[in-house]
Amino acid sequence: MPALILFLLGTYRENTIKVIKDAGYPALIAGLVMSFSFIAYVYSMTITSVANVVFIISTQTMFLAIFGYFYLKERVSLISFMSIILAMSGILIMVGDSMSSGSLLGNIIALAIPINFSILVMIIRKNKNLDMVPAIFYSGIFSIMYGLILSDSLIYSRHDIFMGFLLGVPQLAFGFICITIGSRTTPSTTIGLLMLTETLFAPIWVWLFLNEIPPISVIIGGVVIISAIVLKSFDKGQLKA
């Protein structure tokens, strides 16, 4: 929350309150939807396998294409369809060896992540005239409420606070600020494909900072995902019906 407040004040200055008010109910609903994804991500990671969560999250490419087609009338071209299939294949190669049945409840909860993210993008795309960055502010408020309700204790070590900072500021706060701004003008299918780079870069960061060499399946799957994104870049067709 402090990072979000500082961003809003630094960006909008004396107009901060006005920008939040002007965003209205769309930003409030978007923030609520986004907060559901946050809590689903944390909880699903504790009761099912990481590989399952990663693969389920990657289905956002399909949900974005489907929702975009029916809600925004964005056409899914042949190249876009091929890119989605190729990208999903890359994810399956990366995490296939680690996939397990896991917890059914965990898998179902994880499914809420791509669905809610797709709904978030639909709200942002539908309200291009509104600055939806305040939605992240609302999501932070809702997340704090969930944390107070679900936490067993409000006593945290310095290590816990530092880990929370790393997850909350550079990853969630600034990451979703960029997503919120970029989603206003970027087609839904493209957003889904670009979001898969999160899965692609995760093993790279682990390799660079923890010296954990990724298996060959990760390298092959990463190449496939990059190929899907490159293929999508050749799509010059009309996006609107």
Protein backbone atom coordinates (compact mmCIF):
# COMPACT_ATOMS: atom_id res chain seq x y z
CA MET A 1 0.00 0.00 0.00
CA PRO A 2 2.69 2.60 0.81
CA ALA A 3 4.23 2.02 -2.65
CA LEU A 4 0.86 2.52 -4.34
CA ILE A 5 0.13 5.67 -2.36
CA LEU A 6 3.56 7.09 -3.18
CA PHE A 7 3.08 6.30 -6.87
CA LEU A 8 -0.34 7.96 -6.95
CA LEU A 9 0.90 11.06 -5.10
CA GLY A 10 4.07 11.25 -7.19
CA THR A 11 2.18 10.88 -10.46
CA TYR A 12 -0.98 12.90 -9.88
CA ARG A 13 0.13 15.17 -7.02
CA GLU A 14 -2.72 17.52 -6.05
CA ASN A 15 -5.08 15.71 -8.45
CA THR A 16 -4.71 12.33 -6.72
CA ILE A 17 -8.09 12.40 -4.96
CA LYS A 18 -9.81 13.62 -8.14
CA VAL A 19 -8.26 10.82 -10.23
CA ILE A 20 -9.42 8.21 -7.72
CA LYS A 21 -12.95 9.66 -7.69
CA ASP A 22 -13.09 9.94 -11.50
CA ALA A 23 -12.16 6.25 -11.85
CA GLY A 24 -15.45 5.50 -10.09
CA TYR A 25 -17.07 2.10 -9.77
CA PRO A 26 -15.14 0.47 -12.66
CA ALA A 27 -11.88 0.94 -10.73
CA LEU A 28 -13.48 -0.29 -7.50
CA ILE A 29 -14.78 -3.45 -9.19
CA ALA A 30 -11.46 -3.96 -10.98
CA GLY A 31 -9.64 -3.64 -7.66
CA LEU A 32 -11.95 -6.21 -6.06
CA VAL A 33 -11.38 -8.65 -8.94
CA MET A 34 -7.61 -8.10 -8.76
CA SER A 35 -7.58 -8.76 -5.01
CA PHE A 36 -9.28 -12.13 -5.60
CA SER A 37 -6.36 -13.11 -7.82
CA PHE A 38 -3.84 -12.11 -5.14
CA ILE A 39 -5.45 -14.22 -2.42
CA ALA A 40 -6.04 -17.14 -4.81
CA TYR A 41 -2.37 -17.11 -5.83
CA VAL A 42 -1.05 -17.23 -2.27
CA TYR A 43 -3.54 -19.82 -1.04
CA SER A 44 -3.31 -22.15 -4.06
CA MET A 45 0.48 -22.23 -3.75
CA THR A 46 0.12 -23.70 -0.25
CA ILE A 47 -2.20 -26.60 -1.14
CA THR A 48 -1.21 -27.67 -4.66
CA SER A 49 1.99 -27.98 -6.66
CA VAL A 50 3.79 -24.93 -8.03
CA ALA A 51 3.84 -26.52 -11.49
CA ASN A 52 0.06 -26.89 -11.42
CA VAL A 53 -0.40 -23.25 -10.44
CA VAL A 54 2.01 -22.06 -13.16
CA PHE A 55 0.26 -24.10 -15.84
CA ILE A 56 -3.23 -23.05 -14.73
CA ILE A 57 -2.21 -19.38 -14.69
CA SER A 58 -0.92 -19.75 -18.26
CA THR A 59 -4.48 -20.51 -19.40
CA GLN A 60 -5.10 -16.76 -19.12
CA THR A 61 -4.06 -16.57 -22.79
CA MET A 62 -7.15 -18.58 -23.72
CA PHE A 63 -9.49 -16.79 -21.31
CA LEU A 64 -8.34 -13.39 -22.58
CA ALA A 65 -8.94 -14.43 -26.18
CA ILE A 66 -12.38 -15.87 -25.36
CA PHE A 67 -13.51 -12.99 -23.16
CA GLY A 68 -12.11 -10.46 -25.65
CA TYR A 69 -14.05 -12.07 -28.48
CA PHE A 70 -17.41 -12.14 -26.70
CA TYR A 71 -17.14 -9.01 -24.54
CA LEU A 72 -15.05 -6.65 -26.65
CA LYS A 73 -15.72 -8.17 -30.09
CA GLU A 74 -11.98 -8.59 -30.66
CA ARG A 75 -11.39 -11.10 -33.41
CA VAL A 76 -8.98 -13.94 -32.80
CA SER A 77 -7.03 -14.29 -36.04
CA LEU A 78 -5.49 -17.53 -37.23
CA ILE A 79 -2.03 -16.28 -36.23
CA SER A 80 -3.30 -15.37 -32.75
CA PHE A 81 -4.87 -18.80 -32.36
CA MET A 82 -1.67 -20.52 -33.47
CA SER A 83 0.35 -18.34 -31.09
CA ILE A 84 -1.86 -19.33 -28.15
CA ILE A 85 -1.55 -23.04 -28.93
CA LEU A 86 2.21 -22.70 -29.37
CA ALA A 87 2.61 -20.77 -26.12
CA MET A 88 0.51 -23.27 -24.17
CA SER A 89 2.64 -26.07 -25.61
CA GLY A 90 5.76 -24.26 -24.38
CA ILE A 91 4.34 -23.98 -20.87
CA LEU A 92 3.41 -27.66 -20.89
CA ILE A 93 6.97 -28.57 -21.90
CA MET A 94 8.41 -26.40 -19.11
CA VAL A 95 6.29 -27.75 -16.28
CA GLY A 96 5.15 -31.09 -17.70
CA ASP A 97 7.68 -33.13 -15.74
CA SER A 98 6.54 -31.52 -12.50
CA MET A 99 2.80 -31.68 -13.12
CA SER A 100 0.85 -33.71 -10.62
CA SER A 101 -2.73 -34.19 -9.59
CA GLY A 102 -2.10 -31.95 -6.58
CA SER A 103 -5.07 -30.80 -4.54
CA LEU A 104 -8.34 -30.51 -6.44
CA LEU A 105 -9.33 -27.56 -4.27
CA GLY A 106 -5.94 -25.94 -4.89
CA ASN A 107 -6.30 -26.40 -8.63
CA ILE A 108 -9.80 -24.93 -8.61
CA ILE A 109 -8.65 -21.93 -6.55
CA ALA A 110 -5.70 -21.44 -8.90
CA LEU A 111 -8.15 -21.34 -11.81
CA ALA A 112 -9.62 -18.18 -10.28
CA ILE A 113 -6.34 -16.38 -11.04
CA PRO A 114 -6.48 -16.41 -14.88
CA ILE A 115 -10.26 -15.89 -14.87
CA ASN A 116 -10.10 -12.87 -12.57
CA PHE A 117 -7.12 -11.45 -14.44
CA SER A 118 -9.03 -11.75 -17.72
CA ILE A 119 -12.03 -9.99 -16.19
CA LEU A 120 -9.70 -7.24 -14.96
CA VAL A 121 -8.32 -6.70 -18.46
CA MET A 122 -11.87 -6.62 -19.89
CA ILE A 123 -12.84 -3.87 -17.40
CA ILE A 124 -9.74 -1.83 -18.26
CA ARG A 125 -10.20 -2.28 -22.01
CA LYS A 126 -13.89 -1.38 -21.78
CA ASN A 127 -13.12 1.84 -19.88
CA LYS A 128 -10.25 3.23 -21.96
CA ASN A 129 -11.36 6.76 -21.18
CA LEU A 130 -10.73 6.23 -17.45
CA ASP A 131 -7.42 6.13 -15.64
CA MET A 132 -7.66 2.73 -13.95
CA VAL A 133 -4.44 2.90 -11.92
CA PRO A 134 -6.55 3.62 -8.78
CA ALA A 135 -7.87 0.06 -9.18
CA ILE A 136 -4.54 -1.15 -7.80
CA PHE A 137 -5.05 1.14 -4.79
CA TYR A 138 -8.43 -0.49 -4.14
CA SER A 139 -6.96 -3.98 -4.58
CA GLY A 140 -4.42 -3.14 -1.89
CA ILE A 141 -7.17 -2.10 0.52
CA PHE A 142 -9.11 -5.30 -0.11
CA SER A 143 -5.95 -7.39 0.27
CA ILE A 144 -5.22 -5.80 3.64
CA MET A 145 -8.74 -6.72 4.76
CA TYR A 146 -8.23 -10.33 3.68
CA GLY A 147 -4.88 -10.44 5.45
CA LEU A 148 -6.35 -9.20 8.73
CA ILE A 149 -9.10 -11.81 8.55
CA LEU A 150 -6.98 -14.78 7.48
CA SER A 151 -3.74 -14.17 9.42
CA ASP A 152 -3.17 -16.28 12.51
CA SER A 153 -0.90 -13.61 13.98
CA LEU A 154 -0.03 -10.01 13.29
CA ILE A 155 3.52 -10.45 14.59
CA TYR A 156 6.09 -10.56 11.76
CA SER A 157 9.87 -10.83 11.73
CA ARG A 158 12.12 -8.49 9.78
CA HIS A 159 12.64 -11.27 7.26
CA ASP A 160 8.86 -11.58 6.75
CA ILE A 161 8.56 -7.83 6.22
CA PHE A 162 11.44 -7.81 3.75
CA MET A 163 9.97 -10.73 1.77
CA GLY A 164 6.60 -8.99 1.79
CA PHE A 165 8.26 -5.85 0.46
CA LEU A 166 9.93 -7.74 -2.40
CA LEU A 167 6.66 -9.39 -3.37
CA GLY A 168 4.44 -6.37 -2.85
CA VAL A 169 6.43 -3.47 -4.31
CA PRO A 170 8.56 -4.44 -7.34
CA GLN A 171 6.41 -7.40 -8.39
CA LEU A 172 2.77 -6.74 -7.57
CA ALA A 173 2.52 -2.96 -7.23
CA PHE A 174 4.73 -1.76 -10.09
CA GLY A 175 4.00 -4.86 -12.16
CA PHE A 176 0.25 -4.33 -12.09
CA ILE A 177 0.62 -0.60 -12.57
CA CYS A 178 2.33 -1.39 -15.89
CA ILE A 179 -0.31 -4.00 -16.75
CA THR A 180 -3.12 -1.57 -15.96
CA ILE A 181 -1.65 1.20 -18.11
CA GLY A 182 -0.67 -1.10 -20.98
CA SER A 183 -4.00 -2.95 -21.09
CA ARG A 184 -5.83 0.20 -22.16
CA THR A 185 -4.41 0.02 -25.68
CA THR A 186 -3.06 -3.53 -26.05
CA PRO A 187 -5.25 -6.29 -27.56
CA SER A 188 -6.34 -8.97 -25.10
CA THR A 189 -4.60 -11.87 -26.88
CA THR A 190 -1.31 -9.98 -26.97
CA ILE A 191 -1.54 -9.24 -23.25
CA GLY A 192 -1.99 -12.93 -22.52
CA LEU A 193 1.04 -13.93 -24.57
CA LEU A 194 3.25 -11.23 -23.05
CA MET A 195 2.21 -12.29 -19.56
CA LEU A 196 3.69 -15.72 -20.24
CA THR A 197 7.14 -14.16 -20.16
CA GLU A 198 6.71 -14.19 -16.36
CA THR A 199 6.94 -17.97 -16.49
CA LEU A 200 9.82 -17.74 -18.93
CA PHE A 201 11.94 -15.36 -16.82
CA ALA A 202 11.35 -17.08 -13.46
CA PRO A 203 13.94 -19.86 -14.05
CA ILE A 204 16.34 -17.28 -15.52
CA TRP A 205 16.30 -15.22 -12.29
CA VAL A 206 16.79 -18.38 -10.24
CA TRP A 207 19.74 -19.33 -12.45
CA LEU A 208 21.35 -15.87 -12.22
CA PHE A 209 20.87 -15.25 -8.50
CA LEU A 210 20.76 -18.75 -6.98
CA ASN A 211 22.94 -20.60 -9.50
CA GLU A 212 20.18 -23.16 -10.07
CA ILE A 213 20.68 -24.44 -13.61
CA PRO A 214 17.30 -24.92 -15.34
CA PRO A 215 16.60 -28.32 -16.94
CA ILE A 216 16.60 -28.72 -20.70
CA SER A 217 12.78 -28.85 -20.71
CA VAL A 218 12.68 -25.27 -19.40
CA ILE A 219 15.05 -24.08 -22.12
CA ILE A 220 13.07 -25.82 -24.88
CA GLY A 221 9.74 -24.57 -23.47
CA GLY A 222 11.14 -21.04 -23.24
CA VAL A 223 12.21 -21.10 -26.87
CA VAL A 224 8.70 -22.25 -27.84
CA ILE A 225 7.09 -19.39 -25.86
CA ILE A 226 9.41 -16.82 -27.46
CA SER A 227 8.53 -18.29 -30.86
CA ALA A 228 4.82 -17.82 -30.06
CA ILE A 229 5.37 -14.17 -29.16
CA VAL A 230 7.43 -13.60 -32.32
CA LEU A 231 4.72 -15.29 -34.39
CA LYS A 232 2.09 -13.00 -32.85
CA SER A 233 4.18 -9.96 -33.86
CA PHE A 234 3.46 -10.83 -37.50
CA ASP A 235 -0.28 -10.59 -36.94
CA LYS A 236 -1.40 -7.44 -38.74
CA GLY A 237 -5.06 -8.33 -39.00
CA GLN A 238 -7.98 -6.28 -37.72
CA LEU A 239 -8.71 -6.78 -34.04
CA LYS A 240 -12.13 -5.25 -33.95
CA ALA A 241 -15.26 -6.69 -35.49
